[in-house]
Amino acid sequence: MAQDYTRGNLVGTVTDQAGAPVVGAEVTIRSNEQGFTRTTTTDSSGQFRATALPTGTYAVTVTANGAVVVQDNAA
């Protein structure tokens, strides 16, 4: 089976300051090069997964209860 090095996955866990999982947080992933956006929601363990993303850099924003709690603008 050939490997695909043109796509990857972004996975993570969103926790609060006490280390508890943040359930239902919205994770927005924006491609810096191509401009498209993917949005996913954290599960009951605070985990999220975005699959088959083209290689490149991404800006990630996490919103919980209507407030931006994390924003990472990777370059």
PDB file of N, CA and C in Angstrom:
ATOM      1  N   MET A   1       0.840  -1.163   0.000  1.00  0.00           N
ATOM      2  CA  MET A   1       0.000   0.000   0.000  1.00  0.00           C
ATOM      3  C   MET A   1       0.895   1.240   0.000  1.00  0.00           C
ATOM      4  N   ALA A   2       0.622   2.147  -0.898  1.00  0.00           N
ATOM      5  CA  ALA A   2       1.390   3.390  -0.991  1.00  0.00           C
ATOM      6  C   ALA A   2       0.981   4.336   0.126  1.00  0.00           C
ATOM      7  N   GLN A   3       1.950   5.108   0.603  1.00  0.00           N
ATOM      8  CA  GLN A   3       1.662   6.095   1.632  1.00  0.00           C
ATOM      9  C   GLN A   3       1.401   7.441   0.982  1.00  0.00           C
ATOM     10  N   ASP A   4       0.496   8.210   1.556  1.00  0.00           N
ATOM     11  CA  ASP A   4       0.132   9.523   1.045  1.00  0.00           C
ATOM     12  C   ASP A   4       0.767  10.584   1.935  1.00  0.00           C
ATOM     13  N   TYR A   5       1.778  11.263   1.414  1.00  0.00           N
ATOM     14  CA  TYR A   5       2.447  12.310   2.177  1.00  0.00           C
ATOM     15  C   TYR A   5       1.894  13.693   1.852  1.00  0.00           C
ATOM     16  N   THR A   6       0.783  13.760   1.106  1.00  0.00           N
ATOM     17  CA  THR A   6       0.206  15.044   0.731  1.00  0.00           C
ATOM     18  C   THR A   6      -0.946  15.433   1.646  1.00  0.00           C
ATOM     19  N   ARG A   7      -1.322  14.570   2.566  1.00  0.00           N
ATOM     20  CA  ARG A   7      -2.418  14.847   3.495  1.00  0.00           C
ATOM     21  C   ARG A   7      -2.045  14.347   4.886  1.00  0.00           C
ATOM     22  N   GLY A   8      -2.635  14.980   5.871  1.00  0.00           N
ATOM     23  CA  GLY A   8      -2.369  14.566   7.242  1.00  0.00           C
ATOM     24  C   GLY A   8      -3.585  14.809   8.115  1.00  0.00           C
ATOM     25  N   ASN A   9      -3.470  14.450   9.374  1.00  0.00           N
ATOM     26  CA  ASN A   9      -4.552  14.603  10.341  1.00  0.00           C
ATOM     27  C   ASN A   9      -4.112  15.565  11.435  1.00  0.00           C
ATOM     28  N   LEU A  10      -5.067  16.298  11.956  1.00  0.00           N
ATOM     29  CA  LEU A  10      -4.820  17.166  13.101  1.00  0.00           C
ATOM     30  C   LEU A  10      -5.710  16.667  14.229  1.00  0.00           C
ATOM     31  N   VAL A  11      -5.094  16.241  15.320  1.00  0.00           N
ATOM     32  CA  VAL A  11      -5.842  15.726  16.463  1.00  0.00           C
ATOM     33  C   VAL A  11      -5.382  16.439  17.722  1.00  0.00           C
ATOM     34  N   GLY A  12      -6.276  16.544  18.695  1.00  0.00           N
ATOM     35  CA  GLY A  12      -5.896  17.196  19.935  1.00  0.00           C
ATOM     36  C   GLY A  12      -6.952  17.035  20.996  1.00  0.00           C
ATOM     37  N   THR A  13      -6.650  17.537  22.166  1.00  0.00           N
ATOM     38  CA  THR A  13      -7.567  17.509  23.300  1.00  0.00           C
ATOM     39  C   THR A  13      -7.647  18.908  23.879  1.00  0.00           C
ATOM     40  N   VAL A  14      -8.864  19.369  24.106  1.00  0.00           N
ATOM     41  CA  VAL A  14      -9.090  20.686  24.703  1.00  0.00           C
ATOM     42  C   VAL A  14      -9.431  20.479  26.169  1.00  0.00           C
ATOM     43  N   THR A  15      -8.655  21.105  27.052  1.00  0.00           N
ATOM     44  CA  THR A  15      -8.904  21.022  28.491  1.00  0.00           C
ATOM     45  C   THR A  15      -8.969  22.421  29.086  1.00  0.00           C
ATOM     46  N   ASP A  16      -9.613  22.533  30.238  1.00  0.00           N
ATOM     47  CA  ASP A  16      -9.644  23.813  30.937  1.00  0.00           C
ATOM     48  C   ASP A  16      -8.399  23.943  31.820  1.00  0.00           C
ATOM     49  N   GLN A  17      -8.324  25.016  32.565  1.00  0.00           N
ATOM     50  CA  GLN A  17      -7.132  25.264  33.384  1.00  0.00           C
ATOM     51  C   GLN A  17      -6.913  24.207  34.452  1.00  0.00           C
ATOM     52  N   ALA A  18      -7.992  23.524  34.853  1.00  0.00           N
ATOM     53  CA  ALA A  18      -7.885  22.472  35.863  1.00  0.00           C
ATOM     54  C   ALA A  18      -7.556  21.122  35.241  1.00  0.00           C
ATOM     55  N   GLY A  19      -7.491  21.070  33.891  1.00  0.00           N
ATOM     56  CA  GLY A  19      -7.173  19.822  33.210  1.00  0.00           C
ATOM     57  C   GLY A  19      -8.381  18.987  32.841  1.00  0.00           C
ATOM     58  N   ALA A  20      -9.583  19.505  33.114  1.00  0.00           N
ATOM     59  CA  ALA A  20     -10.807  18.775  32.760  1.00  0.00           C
ATOM     60  C   ALA A  20     -11.107  18.969  31.273  1.00  0.00           C
ATOM     61  N   PRO A  21     -11.630  17.942  30.601  1.00  0.00           N
ATOM     62  CA  PRO A  21     -11.949  18.067  29.183  1.00  0.00           C
ATOM     63  C   PRO A  21     -13.052  19.088  28.948  1.00  0.00           C
ATOM     64  N   VAL A  22     -12.922  19.838  27.849  1.00  0.00           N
ATOM     65  CA  VAL A  22     -13.951  20.793  27.454  1.00  0.00           C
ATOM     66  C   VAL A  22     -14.803  20.115  26.383  1.00  0.00           C
ATOM     67  N   VAL A  23     -16.017  19.779  26.745  1.00  0.00           N
ATOM     68  CA  VAL A  23     -16.936  19.069  25.854  1.00  0.00           C
ATOM     69  C   VAL A  23     -17.685  20.078  25.001  1.00  0.00           C
ATOM     70  N   GLY A  24     -17.804  19.797  23.706  1.00  0.00           N
ATOM     71  CA  GLY A  24     -18.592  20.645  22.814  1.00  0.00           C
ATOM     72  C   GLY A  24     -17.913  21.924  22.364  1.00  0.00           C
ATOM     73  N   ALA A  25     -16.612  22.047  22.571  1.00  0.00           N
ATOM     74  CA  ALA A  25     -15.894  23.223  22.075  1.00  0.00           C
ATOM     75  C   ALA A  25     -15.805  23.147  20.551  1.00  0.00           C
ATOM     76  N   GLU A  26     -15.897  24.282  19.895  1.00  0.00           N
ATOM     77  CA  GLU A  26     -15.780  24.335  18.444  1.00  0.00           C
ATOM     78  C   GLU A  26     -14.322  24.602  18.076  1.00  0.00           C
ATOM     79  N   VAL A  27     -13.764  23.743  17.231  1.00  0.00           N
ATOM     80  CA  VAL A  27     -12.383  23.879  16.781  1.00  0.00           C
ATOM     81  C   VAL A  27     -12.420  24.230  15.295  1.00  0.00           C
ATOM     82  N   THR A  28     -11.924  25.423  14.962  1.00  0.00           N
ATOM     83  CA  THR A  28     -11.904  25.883  13.577  1.00  0.00           C
ATOM     84  C   THR A  28     -10.467  25.850  13.076  1.00  0.00           C
ATOM     85  N   ILE A  29     -10.271  25.192  11.950  1.00  0.00           N
ATOM     86  CA  ILE A  29      -8.945  25.002  11.365  1.00  0.00           C
ATOM     87  C   ILE A  29      -8.949  25.687   9.997  1.00  0.00           C
ATOM     88  N   ARG A  30      -8.098  26.706   9.814  1.00  0.00           N
ATOM     89  CA  ARG A  30      -8.050  27.442   8.554  1.00  0.00           C
ATOM     90  C   ARG A  30      -6.690  27.261   7.893  1.00  0.00           C
ATOM     91  N   SER A  31      -6.712  26.881   6.627  1.00  0.00           N
ATOM     92  CA  SER A  31      -5.473  26.724   5.860  1.00  0.00           C
ATOM     93  C   SER A  31      -4.906  28.096   5.542  1.00  0.00           C
ATOM     94  N   ASN A  32      -3.653  28.327   5.922  1.00  0.00           N
ATOM     95  CA  ASN A  32      -3.014  29.609   5.619  1.00  0.00           C
ATOM     96  C   ASN A  32      -2.726  29.764   4.129  1.00  0.00           C
ATOM     97  N   GLU A  33      -2.421  28.679   3.441  1.00  0.00           N
ATOM     98  CA  GLU A  33      -2.075  28.752   2.021  1.00  0.00           C
ATOM     99  C   GLU A  33      -3.307  28.741   1.114  1.00  0.00           C
ATOM    100  N   GLN A  34      -4.269  27.895   1.426  1.00  0.00           N
ATOM    101  CA  GLN A  34      -5.397  27.694   0.519  1.00  0.00           C
ATOM    102  C   GLN A  34      -6.674  28.418   0.951  1.00  0.00           C
ATOM    103  N   GLY A  35      -6.729  28.843   2.201  1.00  0.00           N
ATOM    104  CA  GLY A  35      -7.842  29.652   2.679  1.00  0.00           C
ATOM    105  C   GLY A  35      -9.104  28.908   3.068  1.00  0.00           C
ATOM    106  N   PHE A  36      -9.148  27.583   2.921  1.00  0.00           N
ATOM    107  CA  PHE A  36     -10.361  26.867   3.303  1.00  0.00           C
ATOM    108  C   PHE A  36     -10.411  26.691   4.821  1.00  0.00           C
ATOM    109  N   THR A  37     -11.605  26.421   5.316  1.00  0.00           N
ATOM    110  CA  THR A  37     -11.821  26.256   6.755  1.00  0.00           C
ATOM    111  C   THR A  37     -12.529  24.943   7.013  1.00  0.00           C
ATOM    112  N   ARG A  38     -12.109  24.260   8.075  1.00  0.00           N
ATOM    113  CA  ARG A  38     -12.793  23.058   8.582  1.00  0.00           C
ATOM    114  C   ARG A  38     -13.164  23.329  10.024  1.00  0.00           C
ATOM    115  N   THR A  39     -14.337  22.900  10.400  1.00  0.00           N
ATOM    116  CA  THR A  39     -14.790  23.061  11.782  1.00  0.00           C
ATOM    117  C   THR A  39     -15.205  21.703  12.324  1.00  0.00           C
ATOM    118  N   THR A  40     -14.808  21.444  13.562  1.00  0.00           N
ATOM    119  CA  THR A  40     -15.178  20.206  14.238  1.00  0.00           C
ATOM    120  C   THR A  40     -15.503  20.543  15.689  1.00  0.00           C
ATOM    121  N   THR A  41     -16.067  19.602  16.395  1.00  0.00           N
ATOM    122  CA  THR A  41     -16.474  19.813  17.786  1.00  0.00           C
ATOM    123  C   THR A  41     -15.819  18.753  18.671  1.00  0.00           C
ATOM    124  N   THR A  42     -15.410  19.162  19.865  1.00  0.00           N
ATOM    125  CA  THR A  42     -14.796  18.203  20.782  1.00  0.00           C
ATOM    126  C   THR A  42     -15.847  17.219  21.306  1.00  0.00           C
ATOM    127  N   ASP A  43     -15.385  15.997  21.584  1.00  0.00           N
ATOM    128  CA  ASP A  43     -16.275  14.949  22.073  1.00  0.00           C
ATOM    129  C   ASP A  43     -16.322  14.954  23.606  1.00  0.00           C
ATOM    130  N   SER A  44     -16.866  13.915  24.173  1.00  0.00           N
ATOM    131  CA  SER A  44     -17.037  13.835  25.633  1.00  0.00           C
ATOM    132  C   SER A  44     -15.715  13.768  26.389  1.00  0.00           C
ATOM    133  N   SER A  45     -14.620  13.482  25.677  1.00  0.00           N
ATOM    134  CA  SER A  45     -13.285  13.472  26.293  1.00  0.00           C
ATOM    135  C   SER A  45     -12.508  14.745  25.974  1.00  0.00           C
ATOM    136  N   GLY A  46     -13.153  15.704  25.303  1.00  0.00           N
ATOM    137  CA  GLY A  46     -12.486  16.942  24.915  1.00  0.00           C
ATOM    138  C   GLY A  46     -11.619  16.781  23.677  1.00  0.00           C
ATOM    139  N   GLN A  47     -11.706  15.645  23.003  1.00  0.00           N
ATOM    140  CA  GLN A  47     -10.844  15.372  21.848  1.00  0.00           C
ATOM    141  C   GLN A  47     -11.506  15.795  20.545  1.00  0.00           C
ATOM    142  N   PHE A  48     -10.656  16.163  19.577  1.00  0.00           N
ATOM    143  CA  PHE A  48     -11.130  16.487  18.234  1.00  0.00           C
ATOM    144  C   PHE A  48     -10.194  15.863  17.216  1.00  0.00           C
ATOM    145  N   ARG A  49     -10.687  15.720  15.993  1.00  0.00           N
ATOM    146  CA  ARG A  49      -9.894  15.148  14.900  1.00  0.00           C
ATOM    147  C   ARG A  49     -10.357  15.763  13.588  1.00  0.00           C
ATOM    148  N   ALA A  50      -9.410  16.231  12.809  1.00  0.00           N
ATOM    149  CA  ALA A  50      -9.666  16.686  11.438  1.00  0.00           C
ATOM    150  C   ALA A  50      -8.782  15.833  10.539  1.00  0.00           C
ATOM    151  N   THR A  51      -9.383  15.119   9.612  1.00  0.00           N
ATOM    152  CA  THR A  51      -8.643  14.164   8.790  1.00  0.00           C
ATOM    153  C   THR A  51      -8.471  14.665   7.365  1.00  0.00           C
ATOM    154  N   ALA A  52      -7.492  14.084   6.698  1.00  0.00           N
ATOM    155  CA  ALA A  52      -7.213  14.319   5.271  1.00  0.00           C
ATOM    156  C   ALA A  52      -6.988  15.787   4.948  1.00  0.00           C
ATOM    157  N   LEU A  53      -6.252  16.481   5.820  1.00  0.00           N
ATOM    158  CA  LEU A  53      -5.905  17.876   5.550  1.00  0.00           C
ATOM    159  C   LEU A  53      -4.697  17.933   4.616  1.00  0.00           C
ATOM    160  N   PRO A  54      -4.730  18.777   3.586  1.00  0.00           N
ATOM    161  CA  PRO A  54      -3.550  18.936   2.735  1.00  0.00           C
ATOM    162  C   PRO A  54      -2.369  19.457   3.561  1.00  0.00           C
ATOM    163  N   THR A  55      -1.151  19.088   3.169  1.00  0.00           N
ATOM    164  CA  THR A  55       0.013  19.586   3.888  1.00  0.00           C
ATOM    165  C   THR A  55       0.045  21.109   3.810  1.00  0.00           C
ATOM    166  N   GLY A  56       0.583  21.717   4.842  1.00  0.00           N
ATOM    167  CA  GLY A  56       0.662  23.174   4.890  1.00  0.00           C
ATOM    168  C   GLY A  56       0.582  23.645   6.327  1.00  0.00           C
ATOM    169  N   THR A  57       0.415  24.953   6.477  1.00  0.00           N
ATOM    170  CA  THR A  57       0.278  25.528   7.816  1.00  0.00           C
ATOM    171  C   THR A  57      -1.174  25.930   8.029  1.00  0.00           C
ATOM    172  N   TYR A  58      -1.568  25.931   9.293  1.00  0.00           N
ATOM    173  CA  TYR A  58      -2.964  26.165   9.644  1.00  0.00           C
ATOM    174  C   TYR A  58      -3.065  27.097  10.843  1.00  0.00           C
ATOM    175  N   ALA A  59      -4.138  27.877  10.876  1.00  0.00           N
ATOM    176  CA  ALA A  59      -4.505  28.651  12.056  1.00  0.00           C
ATOM    177  C   ALA A  59      -5.622  27.880  12.745  1.00  0.00           C
ATOM    178  N   VAL A  60      -5.501  27.690  14.046  1.00  0.00           N
ATOM    179  CA  VAL A  60      -6.490  26.922  14.806  1.00  0.00           C
ATOM    180  C   VAL A  60      -7.084  27.834  15.873  1.00  0.00           C
ATOM    181  N   THR A  61      -8.411  27.863  15.915  1.00  0.00           N
ATOM    182  CA  THR A  61      -9.124  28.641  16.922  1.00  0.00           C
ATOM    183  C   THR A  61     -10.082  27.719  17.654  1.00  0.00           C
ATOM    184  N   VAL A  62     -10.061  27.786  18.988  1.00  0.00           N
ATOM    185  CA  VAL A  62     -10.972  26.993  19.815  1.00  0.00           C
ATOM    186  C   VAL A  62     -11.921  27.960  20.510  1.00  0.00           C
ATOM    187  N   THR A  63     -13.215  27.699  20.344  1.00  0.00           N
ATOM    188  CA  THR A  63     -14.243  28.530  20.950  1.00  0.00           C
ATOM    189  C   THR A  63     -15.093  27.655  21.860  1.00  0.00           C
ATOM    190  N   ALA A  64     -15.305  28.122  23.087  1.00  0.00           N
ATOM    191  CA  ALA A  64     -16.162  27.404  24.034  1.00  0.00           C
ATOM    192  C   ALA A  64     -17.076  28.417  24.707  1.00  0.00           C
ATOM    193  N   ASN A  65     -18.338  28.082  24.802  1.00  0.00           N
ATOM    194  CA  ASN A  65     -19.335  28.964  25.422  1.00  0.00           C
ATOM    195  C   ASN A  65     -19.330  30.357  24.794  1.00  0.00           C
ATOM    196  N   GLY A  66     -19.111  30.418  23.476  1.00  0.00           N
ATOM    197  CA  GLY A  66     -19.155  31.676  22.743  1.00  0.00           C
ATOM    198  C   GLY A  66     -17.911  32.537  22.839  1.00  0.00           C
ATOM    199  N   ALA A  67     -16.891  32.088  23.547  1.00  0.00           N
ATOM    200  CA  ALA A  67     -15.669  32.873  23.708  1.00  0.00           C
ATOM    201  C   ALA A  67     -14.483  32.124  23.111  1.00  0.00           C
ATOM    202  N   VAL A  68     -13.598  32.860  22.440  1.00  0.00           N
ATOM    203  CA  VAL A  68     -12.365  32.262  21.925  1.00  0.00           C
ATOM    204  C   VAL A  68     -11.472  31.973  23.120  1.00  0.00           C
ATOM    205  N   VAL A  69     -11.089  30.700  23.274  1.00  0.00           N
ATOM    206  CA  VAL A  69     -10.252  30.331  24.418  1.00  0.00           C
ATOM    207  C   VAL A  69      -8.806  30.032  23.995  1.00  0.00           C
ATOM    208  N   VAL A  70      -8.617  29.701  22.726  1.00  0.00           N
ATOM    209  CA  VAL A  70      -7.266  29.458  22.214  1.00  0.00           C
ATOM    210  C   VAL A  70      -7.252  29.879  20.748  1.00  0.00           C
ATOM    211  N   GLN A  71      -6.190  30.583  20.376  1.00  0.00           N
ATOM    212  CA  GLN A  71      -5.992  30.901  18.959  1.00  0.00           C
ATOM    213  C   GLN A  71      -4.519  30.753  18.659  1.00  0.00           C
ATOM    214  N   ASP A  72      -4.204  29.896  17.674  1.00  0.00           N
ATOM    215  CA  ASP A  72      -2.834  29.642  17.282  1.00  0.00           C
ATOM    216  C   ASP A  72      -2.716  29.893  15.790  1.00  0.00           C
ATOM    217  N   ASN A  73      -1.986  30.923  15.433  1.00  0.00           N
ATOM    218  CA  ASN A  73      -1.797  31.284  14.032  1.00  0.00           C
ATOM    219  C   ASN A  73      -0.428  30.820  13.569  1.00  0.00           C
ATOM    220  N   ALA A  74      -0.299  29.524  13.352  1.00  0.00           N
ATOM    221  CA  ALA A  74       0.984  28.952  12.910  1.00  0.00           C
ATOM    222  C   ALA A  74       1.367  29.545  11.572  1.00  0.00           C
ATOM    223  N   ALA A  75       2.629  29.751  11.395  1.00  0.00           N
ATOM    224  CA  ALA A  75       3.110  30.291  10.117  1.00  0.00           C
ATOM    225  C   ALA A  75       3.989  29.291   9.435  1.00  0.00           C
TER     226      ALA A  75
END
